[in-house]
Protein backbone atom coordinates (compact mmCIF):
# COMPACT_ATOMS: atom_id res chain seq x y z
CA MET A 1 14.91 -84.79 258.84
CA LYS A 2 13.78 -84.32 255.25
CA LYS A 3 12.94 -88.02 255.01
CA VAL A 4 10.75 -87.89 258.15
CA PHE A 5 9.01 -84.74 256.87
CA LYS A 6 8.45 -86.41 253.51
CA VAL A 7 6.87 -89.49 255.16
CA VAL A 8 4.68 -87.41 257.48
CA THR A 9 3.39 -85.24 254.65
CA ASN A 10 2.62 -88.25 252.45
CA LYS A 11 -1.10 -88.28 251.57
CA PHE A 12 -1.38 -92.01 252.29
CA PHE A 13 0.20 -91.60 255.73
CA ILE A 14 -2.10 -88.68 256.57
CA THR A 15 -5.17 -90.58 255.37
CA GLY A 16 -4.20 -93.73 257.31
CA PHE A 17 -3.40 -91.77 260.46
CA THR A 18 -6.69 -89.86 260.23
CA PHE A 19 -8.59 -93.11 259.69
CA MET A 20 -6.87 -94.69 262.70
CA ILE A 21 -7.70 -91.72 264.95
CA TRP A 22 -11.29 -91.75 263.68
CA CYS A 23 -11.66 -95.47 264.45
CA LEU A 24 -10.09 -95.17 267.91
CA PHE A 25 -12.04 -92.17 269.20
CA PHE A 26 -14.97 -91.04 267.05
CA ASP A 27 -16.51 -94.14 265.47
CA GLN A 28 -19.64 -95.85 266.78
CA ASN A 29 -17.50 -98.84 267.77
CA ASP A 30 -14.57 -96.91 269.21
CA TRP A 31 -12.05 -98.43 271.61
CA PHE A 32 -13.74 -97.11 274.75
CA THR A 33 -17.13 -98.50 273.76
CA LEU A 34 -15.64 -101.88 272.92
CA HIS A 35 -13.81 -101.94 276.25
CA ALA A 36 -17.03 -101.13 278.14
CA ARG A 37 -18.92 -103.81 276.24
CA GLN A 38 -16.21 -106.37 277.02
CA ARG A 39 -16.47 -105.49 280.73
CA ASP A 40 -20.26 -105.89 280.58
CA LEU A 41 -19.85 -109.23 278.82
CA ASP A 42 -17.44 -110.46 281.50
CA ASP A 43 -19.90 -109.38 284.22
CA LEU A 44 -22.75 -111.18 282.47
CA LYS A 45 -20.67 -114.35 282.09
CA SER A 46 -19.85 -114.35 285.80
CA ASN A 47 -23.52 -113.75 286.58
CA ILE A 48 -24.49 -116.69 284.36
CA THR A 49 -21.99 -118.90 286.16
CA PHE A 50 -23.37 -117.85 289.55
CA LEU A 51 -26.98 -118.38 288.49
CA ASN A 52 -26.22 -121.81 287.02
CA GLY A 53 -24.72 -122.77 290.38
CA GLU A 54 -27.86 -121.53 292.14
CA ILE A 55 -30.05 -123.50 289.73
CA ASN A 56 -28.06 -126.67 290.43
CA LYS A 57 -28.29 -126.10 294.17
CA MET A 58 -32.05 -125.50 294.05
CA THR A 59 -32.60 -128.50 291.79
CA ALA A 60 -30.74 -130.73 294.23
CA GLU A 61 -32.71 -129.29 297.14
CA ARG A 62 -36.01 -129.84 295.32
CA LYS A 63 -35.01 -133.38 294.45
CA THR A 64 -34.21 -134.20 298.08
CA LEU A 65 -37.52 -132.71 299.22
CA THR A 66 -39.70 -134.43 296.62
CA ASP A 67 -37.93 -137.79 296.58
CA SER A 68 -37.93 -138.32 300.32
CA LEU A 69 -40.74 -140.42 301.71
CA ASP A 70 -40.82 -138.28 304.84
CA ARG A 71 -43.51 -135.62 304.29
CA GLY A 72 -42.40 -133.93 307.49
CA LYS A 73 -39.26 -132.69 305.79
CA LEU A 74 -41.29 -130.98 303.04
CA GLU A 75 -43.62 -129.50 305.63
CA GLN A 76 -40.69 -128.22 307.68
CA TYR A 77 -39.16 -126.60 304.60
CA ALA A 78 -42.46 -124.88 303.74
CA ARG A 79 -42.89 -123.63 307.29
CA GLU A 80 -39.34 -122.29 307.59
CA ASN A 81 -38.93 -120.68 304.18
CA TYR A 82 -42.46 -119.65 303.22
CA ARG A 83 -43.96 -119.24 306.71
CA MET A 84 -46.83 -121.53 305.88
CA LYS A 85 -49.11 -122.71 308.68
CA LYS A 86 -52.08 -124.85 309.37
CA GLU A 87 -55.47 -123.22 309.85
CA ASN A 88 -55.53 -123.52 313.62
CA GLU A 89 -51.96 -122.29 314.21
CA ASP A 90 -50.35 -118.93 314.82
CA VAL A 91 -46.90 -118.14 313.45
CA TYR A 92 -44.50 -115.90 315.31
CA VAL A 93 -41.45 -114.78 313.36
CA ILE A 94 -38.39 -113.94 315.41
CA GLU A 95 -35.67 -112.24 313.41
CA LYS A 96 -32.15 -111.85 314.71
């Protein structure tokens, strides 16, 4: 018991323990902040992965539309996705 009391009352132990508590809870870069930042980083990485997949998909779609010799396919895409029309036409949008 005396040995434990002697270790606990040691000035180096008290200083180290105080420093550890300060770093874990009160510092600008405490454990909770670092954990939140890591979660945000993981979310951003997954978002980057998703957006890179979307970019690849859109690039492939653009390539198929611009490389095809059939202009009707490009016109169909513009009509369906952007609701474009010719001057003498009326467009009726039916949503489900």
